[in-house]
N, C-alpha and C. Protein backbone atom coordinates (compact mmCIF):
# COMPACT_ATOMS: atom_id res chain seq x y z
N UNK A 1 -9.40 -39.73 9.61
CA UNK A 1 -10.59 -40.81 9.49
C UNK A 1 -11.02 -40.58 8.04
N UNK A 2 -11.48 -41.41 7.21
CA UNK A 2 -12.15 -41.27 6.24
C UNK A 2 -13.55 -42.17 6.14
N UNK A 3 -14.38 -41.68 5.43
CA UNK A 3 -15.75 -42.16 5.24
C UNK A 3 -16.33 -42.65 3.90
N UNK A 4 -17.00 -43.47 3.78
CA UNK A 4 -17.36 -43.94 2.46
C UNK A 4 -18.66 -43.24 2.21
N UNK A 5 -18.68 -42.82 0.82
CA UNK A 5 -20.23 -42.15 0.42
C UNK A 5 -20.58 -43.20 -0.75
N UNK A 6 -21.80 -42.79 -1.25
CA UNK A 6 -22.32 -43.38 -2.42
C UNK A 6 -22.53 -42.54 -3.40
N UNK A 7 -22.00 -42.59 -4.59
CA UNK A 7 -22.19 -41.56 -5.75
C UNK A 7 -23.12 -42.08 -7.04
N UNK A 8 -23.86 -41.61 -7.52
CA UNK A 8 -24.61 -41.93 -8.44
C UNK A 8 -24.05 -41.22 -9.89
N UNK A 9 -23.91 -41.75 -10.83
CA UNK A 9 -23.28 -41.14 -12.03
C UNK A 9 -23.77 -41.85 -13.36
N UNK A 10 -23.60 -41.31 -14.59
CA UNK A 10 -24.01 -41.90 -15.71
C UNK A 10 -23.15 -42.89 -15.97
N UNK A 11 -23.53 -44.15 -16.67
CA UNK A 11 -22.75 -45.24 -16.75
C UNK A 11 -21.34 -44.93 -17.76
N UNK A 12 -21.75 -44.20 -18.68
CA UNK A 12 -20.78 -43.57 -19.59
C UNK A 12 -19.50 -42.88 -19.08
N UNK A 13 -20.09 -42.07 -18.34
CA UNK A 13 -19.20 -41.06 -17.30
C UNK A 13 -18.22 -42.00 -16.68
N UNK A 14 -18.80 -43.06 -15.93
CA UNK A 14 -17.97 -43.93 -15.08
C UNK A 14 -16.93 -44.66 -15.77
N UNK A 15 -17.55 -45.28 -16.99
CA UNK A 15 -16.75 -45.81 -17.94
C UNK A 15 -15.48 -45.10 -18.13
N UNK A 16 -15.66 -43.80 -18.82
CA UNK A 16 -14.45 -43.08 -19.26
C UNK A 16 -13.69 -42.46 -17.74
N UNK A 17 -14.28 -42.25 -16.64
CA UNK A 17 -13.46 -42.18 -15.39
C UNK A 17 -12.63 -43.14 -15.17
N UNK A 18 -13.20 -44.17 -15.18
CA UNK A 18 -12.08 -45.59 -14.93
C UNK A 18 -11.14 -45.64 -15.92
N UNK A 19 -11.13 -45.32 -17.07
CA UNK A 19 -10.11 -45.29 -18.04
C UNK A 19 -9.06 -43.99 -17.75
N UNK A 20 -9.68 -43.08 -17.38
CA UNK A 20 -8.82 -41.87 -17.05
C UNK A 20 -8.07 -42.11 -15.82
N UNK A 21 -8.70 -42.79 -14.95
CA UNK A 21 -8.07 -42.82 -13.60
C UNK A 21 -6.89 -44.20 -13.81
N UNK A 22 -7.32 -44.94 -14.80
CA UNK A 22 -6.21 -45.90 -14.91
C UNK A 22 -4.92 -45.45 -15.60
N UNK A 23 -5.23 -44.49 -16.81
CA UNK A 23 -4.13 -43.85 -17.28
C UNK A 23 -3.30 -43.02 -16.54
N UNK A 24 -3.95 -42.60 -15.25
CA UNK A 24 -3.17 -41.64 -14.30
C UNK A 24 -2.76 -42.57 -13.26
N UNK A 25 -2.95 -43.96 -13.43
CA UNK A 25 -2.43 -45.05 -12.17
C UNK A 25 -2.84 -44.47 -10.62
N UNK A 26 -4.15 -44.24 -10.93
CA UNK A 26 -4.94 -43.77 -9.66
C UNK A 26 -6.27 -44.50 -9.38
N UNK A 27 -7.19 -44.10 -8.62
CA UNK A 27 -8.42 -44.80 -8.52
C UNK A 27 -9.30 -43.40 -8.90
N UNK A 28 -10.65 -43.75 -9.13
CA UNK A 28 -11.66 -42.78 -9.20
C UNK A 28 -11.98 -42.04 -7.62
N UNK A 29 -12.11 -43.01 -6.72
CA UNK A 29 -12.01 -42.61 -5.42
C UNK A 29 -11.10 -41.51 -5.13
N UNK A 30 -9.63 -41.59 -5.39
CA UNK A 30 -8.55 -40.74 -5.14
C UNK A 30 -8.50 -39.57 -6.19
N UNK A 31 -8.95 -39.79 -7.37
CA UNK A 31 -9.27 -38.59 -8.07
C UNK A 31 -10.36 -37.55 -7.48
N UNK A 32 -11.33 -37.93 -7.19
CA UNK A 32 -12.48 -37.32 -6.76
C UNK A 32 -12.21 -36.77 -5.34
N UNK A 33 -11.55 -37.51 -4.50
CA UNK A 33 -11.10 -36.78 -3.34
C UNK A 33 -10.23 -35.72 -3.37
N UNK A 34 -9.09 -35.80 -4.33
CA UNK A 34 -8.11 -34.67 -4.66
C UNK A 34 -8.90 -33.57 -5.13
N UNK A 35 -9.69 -33.75 -6.04
CA UNK A 35 -10.45 -32.56 -6.76
C UNK A 35 -11.38 -31.94 -5.73
N UNK A 36 -12.27 -32.63 -4.94
CA UNK A 36 -13.11 -31.92 -3.70
C UNK A 36 -12.20 -31.35 -2.62
N UNK A 37 -11.09 -31.81 -2.47
CA UNK A 37 -10.10 -31.17 -1.56
C UNK A 37 -9.39 -29.72 -2.36
N UNK A 38 -9.22 -29.89 -3.48
CA UNK A 38 -8.94 -28.71 -4.28
C UNK A 38 -10.19 -27.34 -4.34
N UNK A 39 -11.16 -27.99 -4.33
CA UNK A 39 -12.30 -27.00 -4.30
C UNK A 39 -12.58 -26.24 -2.90
N UNK A 40 -12.55 -27.47 -1.88
CA UNK A 40 -12.70 -26.87 -0.61
C UNK A 40 -11.57 -25.93 -0.16
N UNK A 41 -10.32 -26.17 -0.44
CA UNK A 41 -9.24 -25.16 -0.25
C UNK A 41 -9.42 -24.11 -0.98
N UNK A 42 -9.81 -23.93 -2.12
CA UNK A 42 -9.96 -22.79 -3.08
C UNK A 42 -11.00 -21.90 -2.28
N UNK A 43 -12.27 -22.46 -2.00
CA UNK A 43 -13.26 -21.83 -1.52
C UNK A 43 -12.80 -21.13 -0.12
N UNK A 44 -12.13 -21.83 1.00
CA UNK A 44 -11.58 -21.24 1.88
C UNK A 44 -10.62 -20.26 1.75
N UNK A 45 -9.65 -20.24 0.83
CA UNK A 45 -8.88 -19.29 0.52
C UNK A 45 -9.75 -17.98 0.13
N UNK A 46 -10.57 -18.05 -0.88
CA UNK A 46 -11.30 -17.16 -1.18
C UNK A 46 -12.23 -16.56 -0.30
N UNK A 47 -12.75 -17.20 0.57
CA UNK A 47 -13.38 -16.63 1.90
C UNK A 47 -12.51 -15.79 2.58
N UNK A 48 -11.50 -16.28 3.10
CA UNK A 48 -10.35 -15.50 3.67
C UNK A 48 -9.92 -14.38 3.12
N UNK A 49 -9.52 -14.23 1.92
CA UNK A 49 -9.12 -13.11 1.25
C UNK A 49 -10.23 -11.89 1.15
N UNK A 50 -11.26 -12.60 0.99
CA UNK A 50 -12.61 -11.55 1.02
C UNK A 50 -12.85 -10.87 2.26
N UNK A 51 -12.56 -11.63 3.20
CA UNK A 51 -12.95 -11.18 4.85
C UNK A 51 -11.68 -10.27 5.02
N UNK A 52 -10.61 -10.61 4.66
CA UNK A 52 -9.38 -9.40 4.82
C UNK A 52 -9.74 -8.15 4.05
N UNK A 53 -10.24 -8.39 2.59
CA UNK A 53 -10.47 -7.09 1.93
C UNK A 53 -11.68 -6.37 2.44
N UNK A 54 -12.65 -7.01 2.85
CA UNK A 54 -13.64 -6.37 3.80
C UNK A 54 -13.24 -5.39 4.91
N UNK A 55 -12.61 -6.33 5.57
CA UNK A 55 -11.85 -5.53 7.06
C UNK A 55 -11.21 -4.13 6.41
N UNK A 56 -10.34 -4.31 5.56
CA UNK A 56 -9.52 -3.05 4.93
C UNK A 56 -10.34 -1.98 4.50
N UNK A 57 -11.54 -2.63 3.89
CA UNK A 57 -12.43 -1.52 3.55
C UNK A 57 -13.14 -0.81 4.58
N UNK A 58 -13.55 -1.68 5.38
CA UNK A 58 -14.06 -0.98 6.72
C UNK A 58 -13.15 -0.28 7.50
N UNK A 59 -11.75 -0.50 7.57
CA UNK A 59 -10.99 0.22 8.36
C UNK A 59 -10.61 1.82 7.56
N UNK A 60 -10.77 1.73 6.38
CA UNK A 60 -10.60 2.81 5.56
C UNK A 60 -9.07 3.05 5.14
N UNK A 61 -8.89 3.80 4.25
CA UNK A 61 -7.52 4.23 3.88
C UNK A 61 -7.12 5.73 4.22
N UNK A 62 -5.90 5.86 4.72
CA UNK A 62 -5.51 7.26 5.00
C UNK A 62 -4.96 7.72 3.69
N UNK A 63 -5.61 8.77 3.32
CA UNK A 63 -5.28 9.47 2.40
C UNK A 63 -4.46 10.81 2.37
N UNK A 64 -4.34 11.12 3.77
CA UNK A 64 -3.81 12.23 4.00
C UNK A 64 -4.40 13.40 3.30
N UNK A 65 -5.64 13.47 3.48
CA UNK A 65 -6.51 14.54 2.96
C UNK A 65 -6.66 15.47 4.30
N UNK A 66 -6.75 16.72 3.60
CA UNK A 66 -7.23 17.93 4.66
C UNK A 66 -8.27 18.89 3.77
N UNK A 67 -8.99 19.42 4.73
CA UNK A 67 -9.92 20.19 3.88
C UNK A 67 -9.31 21.31 3.31
N UNK A 68 -9.79 21.80 2.23
CA UNK A 68 -9.57 22.75 1.25
C UNK A 68 -9.63 24.27 2.06
N UNK A 69 -9.01 25.26 1.79
CA UNK A 69 -9.07 26.44 2.43
C UNK A 69 -10.32 27.22 1.76
N UNK A 70 -11.01 28.12 2.80
CA UNK A 70 -12.08 28.51 2.24
C UNK A 70 -11.96 29.47 0.92
N UNK A 71 -13.17 29.92 0.28
CA UNK A 71 -12.85 30.63 -0.94
C UNK A 71 -12.34 32.03 -0.70
N UNK A 72 -12.74 32.50 0.64
CA UNK A 72 -12.06 33.64 0.99
C UNK A 72 -10.74 33.74 0.98
N UNK A 73 -10.15 32.81 1.68
CA UNK A 73 -8.69 32.31 1.83
C UNK A 73 -8.04 32.20 0.68
N UNK A 74 -8.69 31.44 -0.23
CA UNK A 74 -7.93 31.15 -1.61
C UNK A 74 -7.89 32.70 -2.24
N UNK A 75 -8.73 33.46 -2.43
CA UNK A 75 -8.69 34.75 -3.16
C UNK A 75 -8.08 35.84 -2.37
N UNK A 76 -7.55 35.65 -1.16
CA UNK A 76 -7.11 36.80 -0.64
C UNK A 76 -5.29 36.88 -1.39
N UNK A 77 -4.91 38.20 -1.63
CA UNK A 77 -3.73 38.40 -2.14
C UNK A 77 -3.00 39.43 -1.48
């Protein structure tokens, strides 16, 4: 379902947007809708990637680390 919005912009910008839309064979509404959709999709993808990265950091990484031998054990010969 689509909804209408009201948008205010500079007259010169509107004129140039109409020219651009006509050159691309589309409408200003379609151009704006597509761009807003791209922005929202990009933000969602970023947020999702950020959540996954933070979850990995919270989980930690297994580096197969073990405590080093004591000084005395290292110097026994």
